[in-house]
Amino acid sequence: MRSTEFRLIRLKTSYPLERHDVKLLRRIALLATLLAILLLIGSPSIIHSRRVAHFESVCRAVASQGGSLSFDLQGDYWLTISGVAATDETIRTLLPQLHALPSGFTFIGPGEGRHFYVEISHSNITARGLTDLCSLPITSITLTHCPNLDDNAVDALVTLRNPNAIINGDVRLTPNALELLRKRMQNAFPNVRG
């Protein structure tokens, strides 16, 4: 034990720090501390501006396809697509960008989950497009006057976790599919004319 202590003492005394070395080490420590403080102050602003820019670019992509994307008061996404632009191809085009949206805006991690409220109206979307759309974390979906939706659309809707599903107008669902929808989804509100 003594030989180890002696070596440590000897090493410390063998290479004494010069006065300018001590000043340099203090300056490096001070600069590192200042840099850490600047990063802590600036990071939230940088993260926020990057995420806002990303959200705005996805909004522009949705608008270019004839839809709109916004936030509600709780921070969830509102996606509206209507008219002739609301097709299966539109959904496939937008889906990668919608999946890439941040799920939360906290500084230290992903944060709370964000969900989608989806409204599709006067659309030519089919069950295939609806199946693709249901890969998003949807809390509520409203389908109004979507005449190309058939019984296969129920298979897509029942994969969602406890959403509200409102189906209005011209949809080709059979009575059996409507009954299955009511059984499998507690919050399904079909009001259809087949």
Protein backbone atom coordinates (compact mmCIF):
# COMPACT_ATOMS: atom_id res chain seq x y z
CA MET A 1 0.00 0.00 0.00
CA ARG A 2 2.78 2.43 0.86
CA SER A 3 4.51 1.96 -2.47
CA THR A 4 1.29 2.94 -4.30
CA GLU A 5 0.86 6.03 -2.15
CA PHE A 6 4.48 6.94 -2.67
CA ARG A 7 4.13 6.65 -6.47
CA LEU A 8 1.02 8.84 -6.49
CA ILE A 9 2.73 11.50 -4.41
CA ARG A 10 5.81 11.26 -6.56
CA LEU A 11 3.75 11.65 -9.76
CA LYS A 12 2.03 14.70 -8.37
CA THR A 13 5.27 16.32 -7.40
CA SER A 14 7.12 15.24 -10.52
CA TYR A 15 5.11 17.44 -12.86
CA PRO A 16 3.98 20.57 -11.04
CA LEU A 17 1.48 22.73 -12.91
CA GLU A 18 2.74 26.07 -13.98
CA ARG A 19 0.78 29.17 -13.15
CA HIS A 20 -0.31 29.69 -16.76
CA ASP A 21 -1.51 26.04 -16.92
CA VAL A 22 -3.79 26.60 -13.95
CA LYS A 23 -5.20 29.76 -15.55
CA LEU A 24 -5.78 27.89 -18.82
CA LEU A 25 -7.62 25.06 -17.04
CA ARG A 26 -9.81 27.58 -15.21
CA ARG A 27 -10.63 29.34 -18.49
CA ILE A 28 -11.52 26.04 -20.16
CA ALA A 29 -13.81 25.15 -17.25
CA LEU A 30 -15.43 28.58 -17.38
CA LEU A 31 -15.96 28.36 -21.16
CA ALA A 32 -17.43 24.86 -20.83
CA THR A 33 -19.83 26.12 -18.16
CA LEU A 34 -20.88 29.10 -20.30
CA LEU A 35 -21.39 26.85 -23.33
CA ALA A 36 -23.56 24.48 -21.27
CA ILE A 37 -25.67 27.40 -20.02
CA LEU A 38 -26.11 28.75 -23.56
CA LEU A 39 -27.18 25.32 -24.81
CA LEU A 40 -29.70 24.97 -21.99
CA ILE A 41 -31.15 28.38 -22.75
CA GLY A 42 -31.07 28.09 -26.54
CA SER A 43 -32.06 24.46 -27.09
CA PRO A 44 -35.79 24.78 -26.42
CA SER A 45 -36.02 27.66 -28.86
CA ILE A 46 -34.10 25.78 -31.53
CA ILE A 47 -36.17 22.62 -31.03
CA HIS A 48 -39.40 24.60 -31.11
CA SER A 49 -38.49 26.46 -34.30
CA ARG A 50 -37.44 23.23 -36.07
CA ARG A 51 -40.64 21.46 -35.05
CA VAL A 52 -42.81 24.40 -36.09
CA ALA A 53 -41.05 24.50 -39.47
CA HIS A 54 -41.63 20.74 -39.86
CA PHE A 55 -45.31 21.08 -38.93
CA GLU A 56 -45.75 23.96 -41.38
CA SER A 57 -44.15 21.93 -44.20
CA VAL A 58 -46.58 19.07 -43.53
CA CYS A 59 -49.46 21.60 -43.49
CA ARG A 60 -48.36 22.82 -46.92
CA ALA A 61 -48.20 19.22 -48.20
CA VAL A 62 -51.71 18.52 -46.92
CA ALA A 63 -52.98 21.80 -48.43
CA SER A 64 -51.41 20.88 -51.78
CA GLN A 65 -53.58 17.75 -51.71
CA GLY A 66 -56.74 19.73 -51.01
CA GLY A 67 -56.88 19.30 -47.24
CA SER A 68 -55.96 21.10 -44.06
CA LEU A 69 -54.00 20.25 -40.94
CA SER A 70 -54.10 22.17 -37.67
CA PHE A 71 -53.93 21.82 -33.87
CA ASP A 72 -56.80 21.77 -31.45
CA LEU A 73 -56.56 23.38 -28.02
CA GLN A 74 -55.12 20.22 -26.47
CA GLY A 75 -52.37 19.92 -29.06
CA ASP A 76 -53.86 17.10 -31.10
CA TYR A 77 -53.82 17.19 -34.88
CA TRP A 78 -56.93 17.97 -36.95
CA LEU A 79 -56.76 16.53 -40.44
CA THR A 80 -59.49 17.41 -42.94
CA ILE A 81 -59.57 16.13 -46.50
CA SER A 82 -62.57 16.60 -48.74
CA GLY A 83 -63.77 16.57 -52.30
CA VAL A 84 -62.12 14.99 -55.30
CA ALA A 85 -58.69 15.34 -53.68
CA ALA A 86 -59.62 12.88 -50.91
CA THR A 87 -58.54 9.64 -52.56
CA ASP A 88 -56.55 6.56 -51.62
CA GLU A 89 -53.57 8.00 -53.49
CA THR A 90 -53.77 11.22 -51.48
CA ILE A 91 -53.72 9.22 -48.26
CA ARG A 92 -50.71 7.18 -49.43
CA THR A 93 -48.89 10.38 -50.43
CA LEU A 94 -49.49 12.14 -47.12
CA LEU A 95 -49.13 9.21 -44.74
CA PRO A 96 -45.31 9.18 -44.38
CA GLN A 97 -45.31 12.90 -43.56
CA LEU A 98 -48.18 12.53 -41.11
CA HIS A 99 -46.40 9.66 -39.35
CA ALA A 100 -43.25 11.81 -39.09
CA LEU A 101 -45.03 14.55 -37.15
CA PRO A 102 -43.74 14.87 -33.59
CA SER A 103 -45.75 13.08 -30.97
CA GLY A 104 -44.94 15.70 -28.33
CA PHE A 105 -43.17 19.02 -27.88
CA THR A 106 -41.30 18.60 -24.61
CA PHE A 107 -37.63 19.44 -24.23
CA ILE A 108 -36.36 16.20 -22.72
CA GLY A 109 -38.18 13.60 -24.75
CA PRO A 110 -41.10 12.69 -26.92
CA GLY A 111 -43.60 13.94 -24.35
CA GLU A 112 -47.27 13.30 -24.29
CA GLY A 113 -48.93 11.49 -27.13
CA ARG A 114 -50.60 13.45 -29.88
CA HIS A 115 -53.59 12.01 -31.67
CA PHE A 116 -55.42 12.73 -34.89
CA TYR A 117 -58.96 13.90 -35.36
CA VAL A 118 -59.77 13.06 -38.97
CA GLU A 119 -62.61 14.33 -41.10
CA ILE A 120 -63.11 13.06 -44.63
CA SER A 121 -66.06 14.27 -46.63
CA HIS A 122 -67.43 14.00 -50.16
CA SER A 123 -64.60 11.65 -50.93
CA ASN A 124 -63.75 8.81 -53.26
CA ILE A 125 -61.72 7.04 -50.59
CA THR A 126 -62.09 3.25 -50.47
CA ALA A 127 -61.59 0.71 -47.70
CA ARG A 128 -57.97 0.31 -48.83
CA GLY A 129 -57.25 4.01 -48.30
CA LEU A 130 -59.09 3.94 -45.00
CA THR A 131 -56.97 0.98 -43.88
CA ASP A 132 -53.84 3.00 -44.63
CA LEU A 133 -55.25 6.02 -42.80
CA CYS A 134 -56.09 3.94 -39.73
CA SER A 135 -52.36 3.35 -39.17
CA LEU A 136 -52.31 6.84 -37.59
CA PRO A 137 -53.14 7.24 -33.89
CA ILE A 138 -56.72 8.37 -34.53
CA THR A 139 -58.96 9.46 -31.67
CA SER A 140 -61.92 10.47 -33.78
CA ILE A 141 -62.82 9.91 -37.42
CA THR A 142 -65.76 11.36 -39.30
CA LEU A 143 -66.63 9.99 -42.73
CA THR A 144 -69.32 11.95 -44.55
CA HIS A 145 -70.62 11.08 -48.01
CA CYS A 146 -67.94 8.57 -48.97
CA PRO A 147 -69.84 6.37 -51.46
CA ASN A 148 -66.90 4.07 -52.25
CA LEU A 149 -66.64 2.78 -48.67
CA ASP A 150 -68.04 -0.71 -48.33
CA ASP A 151 -68.10 -3.48 -45.71
CA ASN A 152 -64.30 -3.76 -45.83
CA ALA A 153 -64.12 -0.29 -44.27
CA VAL A 154 -65.47 -1.77 -41.03
CA ASP A 155 -62.39 -4.04 -40.83
CA ALA A 156 -60.19 -0.94 -40.94
CA LEU A 157 -62.24 1.00 -38.40
CA VAL A 158 -62.31 -1.76 -35.79
CA THR A 159 -58.49 -1.78 -35.68
CA LEU A 160 -58.53 1.67 -34.07
CA ARG A 161 -58.21 1.91 -30.30
CA ASN A 162 -61.41 3.35 -28.82
CA PRO A 163 -62.00 6.17 -31.25
CA ASN A 164 -65.17 7.98 -31.99
CA ALA A 165 -66.31 7.01 -35.46
CA ILE A 166 -69.04 9.01 -37.11
CA ILE A 167 -70.27 7.84 -40.49
CA ASN A 168 -72.82 9.98 -42.30
CA GLY A 169 -74.49 9.97 -45.67
CA ASP A 170 -73.86 7.79 -48.67
CA VAL A 171 -71.79 4.78 -47.61
CA ARG A 172 -72.31 1.27 -48.95
CA LEU A 173 -72.38 -0.64 -45.65
CA THR A 174 -74.64 -3.66 -45.36
CA PRO A 175 -76.79 -4.17 -42.25
CA ASN A 176 -74.42 -6.97 -41.16
CA ALA A 177 -71.40 -4.64 -41.40
CA LEU A 178 -73.25 -1.93 -39.47
CA GLU A 179 -74.10 -4.45 -36.74
CA LEU A 180 -70.46 -5.59 -36.57
CA LEU A 181 -69.36 -1.97 -36.34
CA ARG A 182 -71.76 -1.29 -33.46
CA LYS A 183 -70.61 -4.43 -31.61
CA ARG A 184 -66.86 -3.91 -32.04
CA MET A 185 -66.77 -0.14 -31.55
CA GLN A 186 -68.55 1.35 -28.58
CA ASN A 187 -68.24 4.87 -29.94
CA ALA A 188 -69.45 4.25 -33.49
CA PHE A 189 -72.26 6.43 -34.74
CA PRO A 190 -73.36 5.29 -38.19
CA ASN A 191 -76.07 7.28 -39.94
CA VAL A 192 -75.91 5.93 -43.46
CA ARG A 193 -77.94 5.70 -46.59
CA GLY A 194 -76.76 2.73 -48.62
